[in-house]
Structure formats: structure tokens, C-alpha cells
Amino acid sequence: MTQRPDRPDPSYFSDPAHFRKPTRREFLYVGFLGGLSLTLGDVLRAEAQTKSSTVAGGAAGPEAEMVSKEGVAKSVIQIFLPGGMSAQESFDPKIYAPSEYRGAFGSIPCKIDGERFSELFSKTAQIADRCTVIRSMTHGEAAHERGVHNMFTGYRPSPAIQFPSMGSVVSHELGSRNDLPPYVCVPHVPNEFATSGYLSSAFGPFSLGSDPADKGFTVRDLSLPPGVDAQRMDRRKGLLALVDAHFRSQEKADALSSMDSFYQRAYAMISSPKAKEAFNIQAEPEALRNSYGMNQAGQRMLMARRLVEAGVRFVSLTAGSWDHHTGIEGGMRGNAPHVDQAFAALITDLEQRGMLGSTLVMLTTEFGRSPKINSTAGRDHYPKVFSIVMAGGGIKRGLVYGKSDATSVDVDENPVSVPDYAATVYHQLGIPFEKRLMSPGDRPIDIVRGGKVLTELLV
């Protein structure tokens, strides 16, 4: 990057080569805004060309009339179990298979007639009548990165383009509510595929910066920097408006409008008590916090409930580590109880608050585990068949959809592809999944390609 001159002439700022695309944290971090001892170059670091974000959503032909509007599901909670959780040790136990396929755990009946879960998910078994279990998820990506990309974007990875995450598409299509970012990751952005891809960074995730399970948890971006009070911030906001006005008079860069949107959102968050209160997990009664579990899985899911209740449209969180090539028995015993408790508490809490019908909850992972226990008492990567759970947001209750064969080698009935899954999620949110968004090079790309809505899952 060209060295910024100490006393730049105006042409420096009009040259797009001198600017990089800021991250969402840079936009929302109030310390970044508060230090207008910052140079103009720092304040205005944005790409001079952001056509891909400012026209994203435009389309050619009939798709131009496709409009996203809020659907049955008003919000999504995406609970992602990184590493690849085994279906055999969770929601699709093979109770009649030989032990080398069945594994070490027994099974228990759940509240779906005739169905059983692993004994490790006893609490989820008790709320299964409010869920749909899909036992026939399938794709062809056996590497972690590619499987994660699939489940976060709805697309197989491509060397030619970086696809946006589902959360970023929701942010782009539906926008924010109640001065809150539309897309939040708890506690951090978990991977590079949870980001905005070819869309503007304006639609990327806001992350908390620390874990809600930590003692003294705070969201640092919601506080004014040391030495900056509200009056001083207002003065700086006015100065920023003058700077923006000057540069708009000099050039037509869409980046300035994009940045202004970020700044306005940041100011709204730090000045709105309601917005800040959404992140105040300490306000929850101790008994409720304990019902979720005073651990990462529990407190992250509780935070997700607070955020969707306050108006966040898409919350993504991770829980545990499920890459059990070795010692799957111990690995599952260490991870499953926390997720089991927290997930059951979340579904129950949403129901009691009257929110389950409008909140789509998804318990997902990147792929499953191999049918047979390996030589190190674990299971290896296996994308050919695995299970996920969905609840709320217009999804049927008490349903098992799809079927794996007797030893989880293959799908026996109703295979569900990743595009099918993504199309169904977007449909419930009111987003036409066939709509095309504009990527760099003025190339329109379908939000989902090749999928169909799984109407059998819908109320």
C-alpha cells in the first residue's frame, strides 16, 4: 500500500488504491470513531468501488421483481457444532447394528412416537415433540473447511468467488431492527465462511468480542472510549458529517454511503439503552441461567435468545468440538451433556415466551462420522449421511424426516441436500431463494442454486 503522506493533497483520498475494505469490527468499534485525532485517511478507509454491495440484490429479468419481506420466521438461531458431530451417538442411534457400528452408548425413547435418541441427549429427547429431526442430510465434502463452507453458505466452495454466509444474506435482504445489528456471531466470527463474501462488509457479522460464559463479560464496542463523553462524541459525529460532505462533493464513491450506514448504526447502538440491554446477560435470573448451564454452550444459547428477543435477525453460535477421530466415547461425554441441556432449555424458554413460532432454531454441523468405529476408537469424516435438528419458525413439530440405512452407510429415504436445507431456511424467513444478488464483475448469482423448499417440513 502507498505510504500516506503527512500532508496529503486531495487527490490522495480520491485514489482507490490507497484504501482497503474495513472489517465490520472497525466500523462498529466506537474507539475507532472516537479517536478523530485519526487522520482523514483512517476515517475514510473504504474501497472506492463497492458496486458489489450497493447493487447487490439487483437482478436481471423476472428476478428483479423478487422482494424479500419478513416471513413466518422473524429470526434465526444457528447453533453450529464444529468438527462434525456423529449422528450415531446423537439423533440417529443404530440400536440393532453390530457393536462396531453401534458404538458404546445406549439409546432412549424420545417424545416422537417410536423414535429414539442417544442416551447422551436425554433432555433433548424430552422436547423432541417440538422439533424436526432430519436424518438424511447429505453432501460430498469430507474436508472440514469445505463442509463448513457448505453449511454456512448453502454452496460448495468455489475458487472463483467467495459466497456470503446465510447470516449476511439475511442482513442484506431484511436489514436491522431496533438499532441492533441484523447478524451477530456469539462470541466470535467462527470461520471465514461466516462472513459477507462477495457482498459489502456492511452485511458481515457483528461479534461480541468475549464469551458470555466469562466472568465480567462485556461487549466492548458498546462503550465510549476512555475520555470521550456523549458531548464530545456528538462533536466528532458532526465533524465526520462535514468530512463526508466534502468528499461526496469530490467523488461519487458508494463506499462513503456504506461507511455512513455503519457509523449511524454504531452511534445508534451506543446511544440506545434498549440496544445495549440486549447484550446484558447478567440481567437474566440466576435460576434461568442455571437451567441453560453455566458453561459456554449454555450461556451462548441464552445470549442468542436475548438477542433475537431484542430484534437481531440472525444469531450464529458454536458449541463444543466434535472432531472425534480418536476416543469418540470420551469426546461425546465431554461435549454432549452441555449442548443437550442448553438446547432443551432454549427450546423450552422460547416456547414459554411465545417466541418459538417466530424463531427458527437450527442445530447443525458440517458433516457426520463414519459408520464403523475405527482402530483408535473414533469415527472419521463422513458427509454422505448425517443428522441435523430444526425447531420453531414454522417447522413441523415431532417429525423425523429422512432415513439412513441400518448401519449409517447411506441415505435410505428422502435425501436432503445443502441447497434444499438453505432454500427452506430462506423461505421461512421470507427471502426468495431464487433471487439473484450481484457479485463483482456484474455477475448475478442465485441466493441458492439447485435447491428446493422442503414443504414436508413446514406447518
Protein backbone atom coordinates (compact mmCIF):
# COMPACT_ATOMS: atom_id res chain seq x y z
CA MET A 1 0.00 0.00 0.00
CA THR A 2 1.26 3.51 -0.80
CA GLN A 3 2.62 5.38 2.18
CA ARG A 4 0.15 8.03 3.31
CA PRO A 5 1.78 11.46 3.03
CA ASP A 6 1.87 13.61 6.13
CA ARG A 7 0.17 16.44 4.31
CA PRO A 8 -1.73 14.74 1.52
CA ASP A 9 -3.31 16.66 -1.29
CA PRO A 10 -6.96 15.86 -2.09
CA SER A 11 -6.02 13.55 -4.95
CA TYR A 12 -4.61 11.09 -2.44
CA PHE A 13 -8.06 10.42 -0.99
CA SER A 14 -9.73 10.04 -4.37
CA ASP A 15 -7.34 7.26 -5.42
CA PRO A 16 -8.99 3.88 -4.62
CA ALA A 17 -5.59 2.19 -4.49
CA HIS A 18 -5.00 3.87 -1.13
CA PHE A 19 -7.96 2.31 0.61
CA ARG A 20 -8.75 -1.11 1.97
CA LYS A 21 -12.11 -2.59 2.85
CA PRO A 22 -12.69 -2.17 6.62
CA THR A 23 -13.92 -5.03 8.72
CA ARG A 24 -17.26 -4.84 10.46
CA ARG A 25 -15.48 -4.53 13.80
CA GLU A 26 -13.58 -1.48 12.54
CA PHE A 27 -16.82 0.16 11.53
CA LEU A 28 -18.66 -0.60 14.75
CA TYR A 29 -15.81 -0.21 17.17
CA VAL A 30 -16.56 3.13 18.79
CA GLY A 31 -12.95 3.60 19.74
CA PHE A 32 -12.28 3.79 16.02
CA LEU A 33 -14.91 6.52 15.69
CA GLY A 34 -13.99 8.22 18.92
CA GLY A 35 -10.40 8.95 18.03
CA LEU A 36 -10.88 11.68 15.46
CA SER A 37 -7.36 12.58 16.15
CA LEU A 38 -7.40 9.87 13.48
CA THR A 39 -6.36 11.10 10.06
CA LEU A 40 -8.94 11.58 7.35
CA GLY A 41 -7.34 8.62 5.62
CA ASP A 42 -8.15 6.41 8.62
CA VAL A 43 -11.73 7.62 8.78
CA LEU A 44 -12.31 7.12 5.07
CA ARG A 45 -10.55 3.80 4.52
CA ALA A 46 -13.02 2.09 2.29
CA GLU A 47 -12.90 0.76 -1.19
CA ALA A 48 -13.67 3.47 -3.71
CA GLN A 49 -15.63 0.89 -5.64
CA THR A 50 -18.25 -1.12 -3.71
CA LYS A 51 -20.58 -1.80 -6.55
CA SER A 52 -20.99 -5.41 -5.49
CA SER A 53 -22.63 -4.37 -2.22
CA THR A 54 -24.54 -1.29 -3.25
CA VAL A 55 -26.24 -3.00 -6.16
CA ALA A 56 -26.36 -6.45 -4.56
CA GLY A 57 -29.90 -7.64 -4.68
CA GLY A 58 -30.35 -6.28 -8.15
CA ALA A 59 -31.14 -8.90 -10.74
CA ALA A 60 -31.79 -9.47 -14.39
CA GLY A 61 -35.14 -10.43 -15.83
CA PRO A 62 -38.10 -11.61 -13.71
CA GLU A 63 -35.94 -11.91 -10.59
CA ALA A 64 -35.86 -8.11 -10.39
CA GLU A 65 -39.40 -8.25 -9.00
CA MET A 66 -38.46 -10.65 -6.21
CA VAL A 67 -38.73 -8.81 -2.93
CA SER A 68 -37.75 -10.14 0.46
CA LYS A 69 -40.22 -9.48 3.24
CA GLU A 70 -40.40 -10.85 6.73
CA GLY A 71 -41.75 -14.39 6.75
CA VAL A 72 -43.07 -16.83 9.32
CA ALA A 73 -39.65 -16.92 10.95
CA LYS A 74 -38.68 -13.47 12.21
CA SER A 75 -35.27 -14.58 13.50
CA VAL A 76 -32.83 -17.49 13.27
CA ILE A 77 -30.59 -19.06 15.89
CA GLN A 78 -27.90 -21.13 14.17
CA ILE A 79 -26.17 -23.49 16.62
CA PHE A 80 -23.17 -24.95 14.84
CA LEU A 81 -21.27 -27.92 16.25
CA PRO A 82 -17.80 -27.66 14.69
CA GLY A 83 -15.84 -30.76 13.81
CA GLY A 84 -18.66 -32.98 12.61
CA MET A 85 -20.98 -34.47 15.23
CA SER A 86 -21.76 -38.16 14.97
CA ALA A 87 -25.40 -38.95 14.25
CA GLN A 88 -24.97 -42.46 15.68
CA GLU A 89 -24.08 -41.00 19.08
CA SER A 90 -26.81 -38.34 18.97
CA PHE A 91 -30.05 -38.31 16.97
CA ASP A 92 -29.84 -41.48 14.84
CA PRO A 93 -28.62 -44.34 17.06
CA LYS A 94 -28.29 -47.70 15.36
CA ILE A 95 -29.64 -49.88 18.14
CA TYR A 96 -29.74 -53.11 16.12
CA ALA A 97 -26.37 -52.75 14.38
CA PRO A 98 -23.26 -54.71 15.42
CA SER A 99 -21.29 -53.06 18.22
CA GLU A 100 -18.54 -51.84 15.90
CA TYR A 101 -21.20 -49.76 14.13
CA ARG A 102 -23.45 -49.05 17.09
CA GLY A 103 -20.79 -47.62 19.37
CA ALA A 104 -20.60 -47.52 23.16
CA PHE A 105 -23.84 -45.74 24.04
CA GLY A 106 -27.34 -46.96 24.60
CA SER A 107 -30.49 -45.23 23.38
CA ILE A 108 -33.62 -43.82 24.99
CA PRO A 109 -37.13 -43.15 23.72
CA CYS A 110 -37.89 -39.56 22.80
CA LYS A 111 -41.17 -37.66 22.55
CA ILE A 112 -41.66 -38.63 18.93
CA ASP A 113 -43.62 -41.85 18.72
CA GLY A 114 -41.43 -44.85 18.01
CA GLU A 115 -38.18 -42.90 17.79
CA ARG A 116 -35.06 -42.98 19.94
CA PHE A 117 -32.08 -40.72 20.64
CA SER A 118 -28.70 -41.50 22.14
CA GLU A 119 -28.76 -41.68 25.92
CA LEU A 120 -26.48 -38.63 25.89
CA PHE A 121 -29.37 -36.43 24.72
CA SER A 122 -31.93 -37.23 27.39
CA LYS A 123 -33.10 -33.62 27.86
CA THR A 124 -33.47 -33.01 24.14
CA ALA A 125 -35.43 -36.27 23.94
CA GLN A 126 -37.99 -34.68 26.27
CA ILE A 127 -38.60 -31.72 23.95
CA ALA A 128 -38.34 -33.67 20.68
CA ASP A 129 -42.08 -33.23 20.16
CA ARG A 130 -41.32 -29.58 19.35
CA CYS A 131 -38.60 -30.39 16.80
CA THR A 132 -37.97 -31.87 13.39
CA VAL A 133 -35.00 -34.22 13.13
CA ILE A 134 -33.54 -34.60 9.63
CA ARG A 135 -31.66 -37.92 9.45
CA SER A 136 -30.83 -37.74 5.75
CA MET A 137 -28.59 -34.71 5.28
CA THR A 138 -26.01 -35.45 2.61
CA HIS A 139 -23.26 -33.75 0.64
CA GLY A 140 -19.89 -34.71 -0.86
CA GLU A 141 -17.39 -32.57 1.06
CA ALA A 142 -15.28 -34.58 3.50
CA ALA A 143 -12.79 -31.80 4.42
CA HIS A 144 -13.69 -29.58 7.36
CA GLU A 145 -13.30 -26.28 5.52
CA ARG A 146 -15.42 -27.40 2.59
CA GLY A 147 -18.11 -28.91 4.79
CA VAL A 148 -18.28 -25.76 6.91
CA HIS A 149 -18.50 -23.63 3.76
CA ASN A 150 -21.44 -25.73 2.59
CA MET A 151 -23.43 -25.37 5.78
CA PHE A 152 -22.77 -21.65 6.27
CA THR A 153 -23.36 -20.50 2.70
CA GLY A 154 -25.54 -23.14 1.02
CA TYR A 155 -22.89 -23.50 -1.68
CA ARG A 156 -19.99 -25.79 -2.42
CA PRO A 157 -16.72 -23.86 -2.29
CA SER A 158 -15.50 -22.27 -5.50
CA PRO A 159 -12.02 -20.95 -6.31
CA ALA A 160 -13.65 -18.21 -8.40
CA ILE A 161 -15.82 -16.47 -5.80
CA GLN A 162 -16.36 -16.14 -2.07
CA PHE A 163 -20.02 -16.75 -1.26
CA PRO A 164 -21.78 -14.85 1.54
CA SER A 165 -22.94 -16.62 4.67
CA MET A 166 -26.64 -17.14 5.26
CA GLY A 167 -26.48 -14.55 8.04
CA SER A 168 -25.04 -11.96 5.66
CA VAL A 169 -27.72 -12.66 3.06
CA VAL A 170 -30.36 -12.18 5.77
CA SER A 171 -28.68 -8.91 6.78
CA HIS A 172 -28.64 -7.75 3.16
CA GLU A 173 -32.21 -8.71 2.41
CA LEU A 174 -34.04 -7.81 5.65
CA GLY A 175 -31.90 -5.18 7.36
CA SER A 176 -31.77 -4.23 11.03
CA ARG A 177 -34.37 -3.81 13.75
CA ASN A 178 -34.35 -1.83 16.99
CA ASP A 179 -30.89 -0.27 16.49
CA LEU A 180 -29.31 -3.73 16.61
CA PRO A 181 -27.07 -5.36 14.01
CA PRO A 182 -29.08 -7.84 11.95
CA TYR A 183 -26.40 -10.54 12.11
CA VAL A 184 -24.45 -11.38 15.28
CA CYS A 185 -21.87 -14.10 15.97
CA VAL A 186 -21.51 -15.37 19.55
CA PRO A 187 -18.86 -14.96 20.78
CA HIS A 188 -16.62 -14.53 17.71
CA VAL A 189 -16.85 -14.95 13.96
CA PRO A 190 -16.19 -18.71 13.91
CA ASN A 191 -14.69 -19.09 10.46
CA GLU A 192 -14.04 -17.23 7.22
CA PHE A 193 -17.27 -18.58 5.71
CA ALA A 194 -19.46 -16.84 8.30
CA THR A 195 -18.70 -13.50 6.62
CA SER A 196 -20.19 -11.38 3.85
CA GLY A 197 -18.36 -12.96 0.90
CA TYR A 198 -18.94 -11.02 -2.30
CA LEU A 199 -21.40 -8.70 -0.56
CA SER A 200 -20.28 -5.49 1.10
CA SER A 201 -18.71 -5.82 4.55
CA ALA A 202 -21.71 -3.78 5.71
CA PHE A 203 -23.57 -7.10 5.77
CA GLY A 204 -20.96 -9.02 7.73
CA PRO A 205 -21.44 -10.20 11.32
CA PHE A 206 -21.03 -8.21 14.49
CA SER A 207 -19.22 -10.30 17.10
CA LEU A 208 -19.32 -9.84 20.85
CA GLY A 209 -15.56 -9.91 21.37
CA SER A 210 -15.76 -12.05 24.51
CA ASP A 211 -17.70 -15.08 25.69
CA PRO A 212 -20.95 -14.62 27.62
CA ALA A 213 -19.85 -17.51 29.84
CA ASP A 214 -16.83 -15.49 31.04
CA LYS A 215 -16.90 -13.68 34.37
CA GLY A 216 -17.17 -9.96 33.84
CA PHE A 217 -18.43 -10.42 30.28
CA THR A 218 -18.90 -7.14 28.41
CA VAL A 219 -19.33 -6.16 24.78
CA ARG A 220 -16.53 -3.66 24.35
CA ASP A 221 -17.97 -1.96 21.26
CA LEU A 222 -20.96 -0.67 23.23
CA SER A 223 -18.95 1.68 25.45
CA LEU A 224 -17.49 5.08 24.70
CA PRO A 225 -13.70 5.18 24.69
CA PRO A 226 -11.93 6.50 27.80
CA GLY A 227 -12.04 10.29 27.88
CA VAL A 228 -14.86 10.58 25.36
CA ASP A 229 -18.22 11.64 26.78
CA ALA A 230 -21.51 11.95 24.92
CA GLN A 231 -20.99 15.66 24.18
CA ARG A 232 -17.55 15.06 22.75
CA MET A 233 -18.87 12.19 20.65
CA ASP A 234 -21.60 14.45 19.24
CA ARG A 235 -18.95 16.99 18.22
CA ARG A 236 -16.96 14.29 16.47
CA LYS A 237 -20.08 13.00 14.79
CA GLY A 238 -20.67 16.49 13.43
CA LEU A 239 -17.09 16.68 12.20
CA LEU A 240 -17.45 13.35 10.48
CA ALA A 241 -20.58 14.62 8.71
CA LEU A 242 -18.59 17.61 7.41
CA VAL A 243 -15.80 15.34 6.21
CA ASP A 244 -18.29 13.08 4.44
CA ALA A 245 -20.00 16.07 2.81
CA HIS A 246 -16.67 17.35 1.50
CA PHE A 247 -15.67 14.07 -0.06
CA ARG A 248 -19.09 13.46 -1.53
CA SER A 249 -18.65 16.74 -3.34
CA GLN A 250 -15.36 15.48 -4.75
CA GLU A 251 -16.35 12.00 -5.89
CA LYS A 252 -19.26 9.63 -6.29
CA ALA A 253 -17.86 6.65 -4.39
CA ASP A 254 -20.58 4.42 -2.97
CA ALA A 255 -18.16 3.47 -0.19
CA LEU A 256 -18.94 6.71 1.63
CA SER A 257 -22.63 5.87 1.86
CA SER A 258 -21.77 2.37 3.03
CA MET A 259 -19.48 3.73 5.73
CA ASP A 260 -22.05 6.30 6.81
CA SER A 261 -24.55 3.48 7.31
CA PHE A 262 -22.06 1.73 9.57
CA TYR A 263 -21.35 4.85 11.57
CA GLN A 264 -25.03 5.60 12.07
CA ARG A 265 -25.61 2.07 13.29
CA ALA A 266 -22.70 2.31 15.68
CA TYR A 267 -23.94 5.61 17.11
CA ALA A 268 -27.42 4.17 17.50
CA MET A 269 -26.11 1.18 19.43
CA ILE A 270 -24.08 3.15 21.93
CA SER A 271 -26.83 5.74 22.47
CA SER A 272 -29.74 3.32 22.81
CA PRO A 273 -30.25 1.82 26.28
CA LYS A 274 -32.53 -0.82 24.75
CA ALA A 275 -29.87 -1.91 22.27
CA LYS A 276 -27.19 -2.13 24.95
CA GLU A 277 -29.51 -4.00 27.30
CA ALA A 278 -29.93 -6.78 24.73
CA PHE A 279 -26.34 -7.85 25.46
CA ASN A 280 -26.72 -7.69 29.25
CA ILE A 281 -26.86 -11.38 30.07
CA GLN A 282 -26.38 -10.59 33.77
CA ALA A 283 -29.96 -9.29 33.78
CA GLU A 284 -31.25 -12.85 33.44
CA PRO A 285 -32.43 -14.54 36.66
CA GLU A 286 -29.85 -16.87 38.15
CA ALA A 287 -32.26 -19.80 38.01
CA LEU A 288 -32.76 -19.35 34.29
CA ARG A 289 -29.04 -19.04 33.64
CA ASN A 290 -28.50 -22.26 35.57
CA SER A 291 -31.22 -24.02 33.58
CA TYR A 292 -29.23 -23.36 30.40
CA GLY A 293 -25.97 -24.33 32.12
CA MET A 294 -23.22 -22.07 33.42
CA ASN A 295 -20.88 -23.06 30.62
CA GLN A 296 -20.11 -21.91 27.08
CA ALA A 297 -22.93 -23.79 25.36
CA GLY A 298 -25.50 -22.70 27.91
CA GLN A 299 -24.63 -19.03 28.11
CA ARG A 300 -24.14 -18.66 24.37
CA MET A 301 -27.60 -20.06 23.71
CA LEU A 302 -29.11 -17.85 26.39
CA MET A 303 -27.42 -14.82 24.83
CA ALA A 304 -28.84 -15.88 21.45
CA ARG A 305 -32.33 -15.90 22.93
CA ARG A 306 -31.82 -12.42 24.39
CA LEU A 307 -30.62 -11.11 21.05
CA VAL A 308 -33.47 -12.45 18.93
CA GLU A 309 -35.94 -11.27 21.56
CA ALA A 310 -34.47 -7.77 21.22
CA GLY A 311 -34.62 -7.80 17.41
CA VAL A 312 -31.48 -9.41 15.96
CA ARG A 313 -32.48 -11.37 12.87
CA PHE A 314 -29.72 -13.97 12.67
CA VAL A 315 -27.57 -15.19 15.56
CA SER A 316 -24.84 -17.75 14.91
CA LEU A 317 -23.01 -19.54 17.71
CA THR A 318 -20.73 -22.51 18.14
CA ALA A 319 -20.60 -25.05 20.94
CA GLY A 320 -18.05 -27.75 21.71
CA SER A 321 -15.60 -29.59 19.48
CA TRP A 322 -16.78 -32.74 17.70
CA ASP A 323 -13.89 -33.98 15.55
CA HIS A 324 -13.64 -37.37 17.24
CA HIS A 325 -11.20 -39.43 15.20
CA THR A 326 -9.93 -40.87 18.47
CA GLY A 327 -11.84 -41.78 21.62
CA ILE A 328 -15.31 -40.79 20.50
CA GLU A 329 -16.85 -42.15 23.70
CA GLY A 330 -14.93 -39.71 25.89
CA GLY A 331 -15.31 -36.89 23.40
CA MET A 332 -19.07 -37.24 23.30
CA ARG A 333 -19.31 -37.49 27.07
CA GLY A 334 -17.40 -34.23 27.33
CA ASN A 335 -19.46 -32.28 24.78
CA ALA A 336 -22.96 -33.70 24.57
CA PRO A 337 -24.34 -33.01 28.08
CA HIS A 338 -23.76 -29.24 27.85
CA VAL A 339 -25.35 -28.97 24.41
CA ASP A 340 -28.19 -31.29 25.40
CA GLN A 341 -29.06 -29.21 28.46
CA ALA A 342 -28.71 -25.85 26.72
CA PHE A 343 -30.66 -26.80 23.60
CA ALA A 344 -33.56 -28.22 25.60
CA ALA A 345 -33.59 -25.10 27.80
CA LEU A 346 -33.54 -22.83 24.75
CA ILE A 347 -36.49 -24.53 23.07
CA THR A 348 -38.43 -24.53 26.34
CA ASP A 349 -37.61 -20.88 27.05
CA LEU A 350 -38.62 -19.75 23.56
CA GLU A 351 -41.88 -21.65 23.85
CA GLN A 352 -42.71 -20.19 27.25
CA ARG A 353 -42.08 -16.68 25.94
CA GLY A 354 -44.28 -17.24 22.89
CA MET A 355 -41.26 -16.87 20.60
CA LEU A 356 -40.76 -20.38 19.24
CA GLY A 357 -43.24 -19.96 16.39
CA SER A 358 -41.32 -16.96 15.07
CA THR A 359 -37.77 -18.13 15.84
CA LEU A 360 -36.15 -20.78 13.65
CA VAL A 361 -33.60 -22.76 15.66
CA MET A 362 -31.09 -24.92 13.77
CA LEU A 363 -28.69 -27.39 15.41
CA THR A 364 -26.22 -28.23 12.66
CA THR A 365 -22.72 -29.49 11.92
CA GLU A 366 -20.51 -29.74 8.83
CA PHE A 367 -20.85 -33.50 8.24
CA GLY A 368 -21.27 -36.78 10.10
CA ARG A 369 -18.91 -39.52 11.21
CA SER A 370 -18.02 -42.82 9.58
CA PRO A 371 -20.35 -45.81 10.06
CA LYS A 372 -17.78 -48.03 11.71
CA ILE A 373 -15.65 -47.34 14.78
CA ASN A 374 -12.02 -47.06 13.65
CA SER A 375 -8.83 -48.53 15.10
CA THR A 376 -8.41 -45.60 17.52
CA ALA A 377 -11.93 -45.94 18.96
CA GLY A 378 -13.19 -42.97 16.97
CA ARG A 379 -15.08 -42.19 13.79
CA ASP A 380 -13.76 -40.36 10.74
CA HIS A 381 -15.26 -37.70 8.45
CA TYR A 382 -18.37 -38.83 6.63
CA PRO A 383 -20.53 -36.37 4.65
CA LYS A 384 -22.65 -39.00 2.90
CA VAL A 385 -25.29 -39.10 5.65
CA PHE A 386 -25.73 -37.12 8.87
CA SER A 387 -28.38 -35.53 11.09
CA ILE A 388 -29.46 -32.02 12.00
CA VAL A 389 -32.32 -30.69 14.14
CA MET A 390 -34.68 -27.80 13.38
CA ALA A 391 -37.38 -26.26 15.55
CA GLY A 392 -39.75 -23.29 15.51
CA GLY A 393 -40.16 -20.75 12.73
CA GLY A 394 -42.96 -22.65 11.03
CA ILE A 395 -41.23 -26.05 11.10
CA LYS A 396 -43.38 -29.06 11.99
CA ARG A 397 -43.26 -30.48 15.49
CA GLY A 398 -42.48 -34.06 16.39
CA LEU A 399 -41.23 -35.13 12.97
CA VAL A 400 -38.37 -37.35 11.88
CA TYR A 401 -37.65 -36.70 8.21
CA GLY A 402 -35.50 -38.93 6.05
CA LYS A 403 -33.83 -42.17 6.98
CA SER A 404 -30.35 -43.62 6.96
CA ASP A 405 -29.77 -47.32 6.39
CA ALA A 406 -29.18 -49.88 9.14
CA THR A 407 -25.50 -49.01 9.63
CA SER A 408 -25.49 -45.32 8.54
CA VAL A 409 -23.61 -46.06 5.35
CA ASP A 410 -26.11 -44.30 3.08
CA VAL A 411 -29.39 -42.42 2.92
CA ASP A 412 -32.34 -44.80 2.67
CA GLU A 413 -35.20 -42.31 2.25
CA ASN A 414 -35.65 -38.62 1.37
CA PRO A 415 -32.10 -37.32 0.93
CA VAL A 416 -31.73 -33.64 1.89
CA SER A 417 -29.07 -31.62 0.10
CA VAL A 418 -27.44 -28.49 1.48
CA PRO A 419 -29.22 -26.30 -1.12
CA ASP A 420 -32.55 -27.87 -0.05
CA TYR A 421 -31.80 -27.01 3.57
CA ALA A 422 -30.74 -23.45 2.71
CA ALA A 423 -33.74 -22.86 0.45
CA THR A 424 -36.07 -23.96 3.24
CA VAL A 425 -34.45 -21.61 5.76
CA TYR A 426 -34.66 -18.63 3.40
CA HIS A 427 -38.25 -19.47 2.50
CA GLN A 428 -39.28 -19.39 6.16
CA LEU A 429 -37.60 -16.01 6.55
CA GLY A 430 -39.46 -14.55 3.57
CA ILE A 431 -36.40 -14.37 1.29
CA PRO A 432 -36.92 -15.68 -2.28
CA PHE A 433 -34.07 -18.15 -2.57
CA GLU A 434 -34.13 -17.95 -6.39
CA LYS A 435 -33.37 -14.24 -6.25
CA ARG A 436 -30.04 -13.16 -7.68
CA LEU A 437 -27.53 -10.92 -5.95
CA MET A 438 -24.91 -9.02 -7.89
CA SER A 439 -21.33 -10.12 -7.37
CA PRO A 440 -18.16 -8.38 -8.57
CA GLY A 441 -17.99 -8.12 -12.33
CA ASP A 442 -21.75 -7.53 -12.52
CA ARG A 443 -22.36 -11.24 -12.34
CA PRO A 444 -25.79 -12.16 -10.89
CA ILE A 445 -25.69 -15.18 -8.59
CA ASP A 446 -28.65 -17.08 -7.13
CA ILE A 447 -29.02 -16.88 -3.36
CA VAL A 448 -29.41 -20.67 -3.54
CA ARG A 449 -28.72 -22.70 -6.64
CA GLY A 450 -30.38 -26.05 -7.30
CA GLY A 451 -32.31 -26.34 -4.05
CA LYS A 452 -35.98 -26.77 -3.28
CA VAL A 453 -38.12 -25.91 -0.28
CA LEU A 454 -38.79 -28.97 1.84
CA THR A 455 -42.53 -28.43 2.14
CA GLU A 456 -42.89 -31.71 4.05
CA LEU A 457 -41.16 -30.00 6.99
CA LEU A 458 -43.44 -26.99 7.10
CA VAL A 459 -46.55 -26.39 9.16
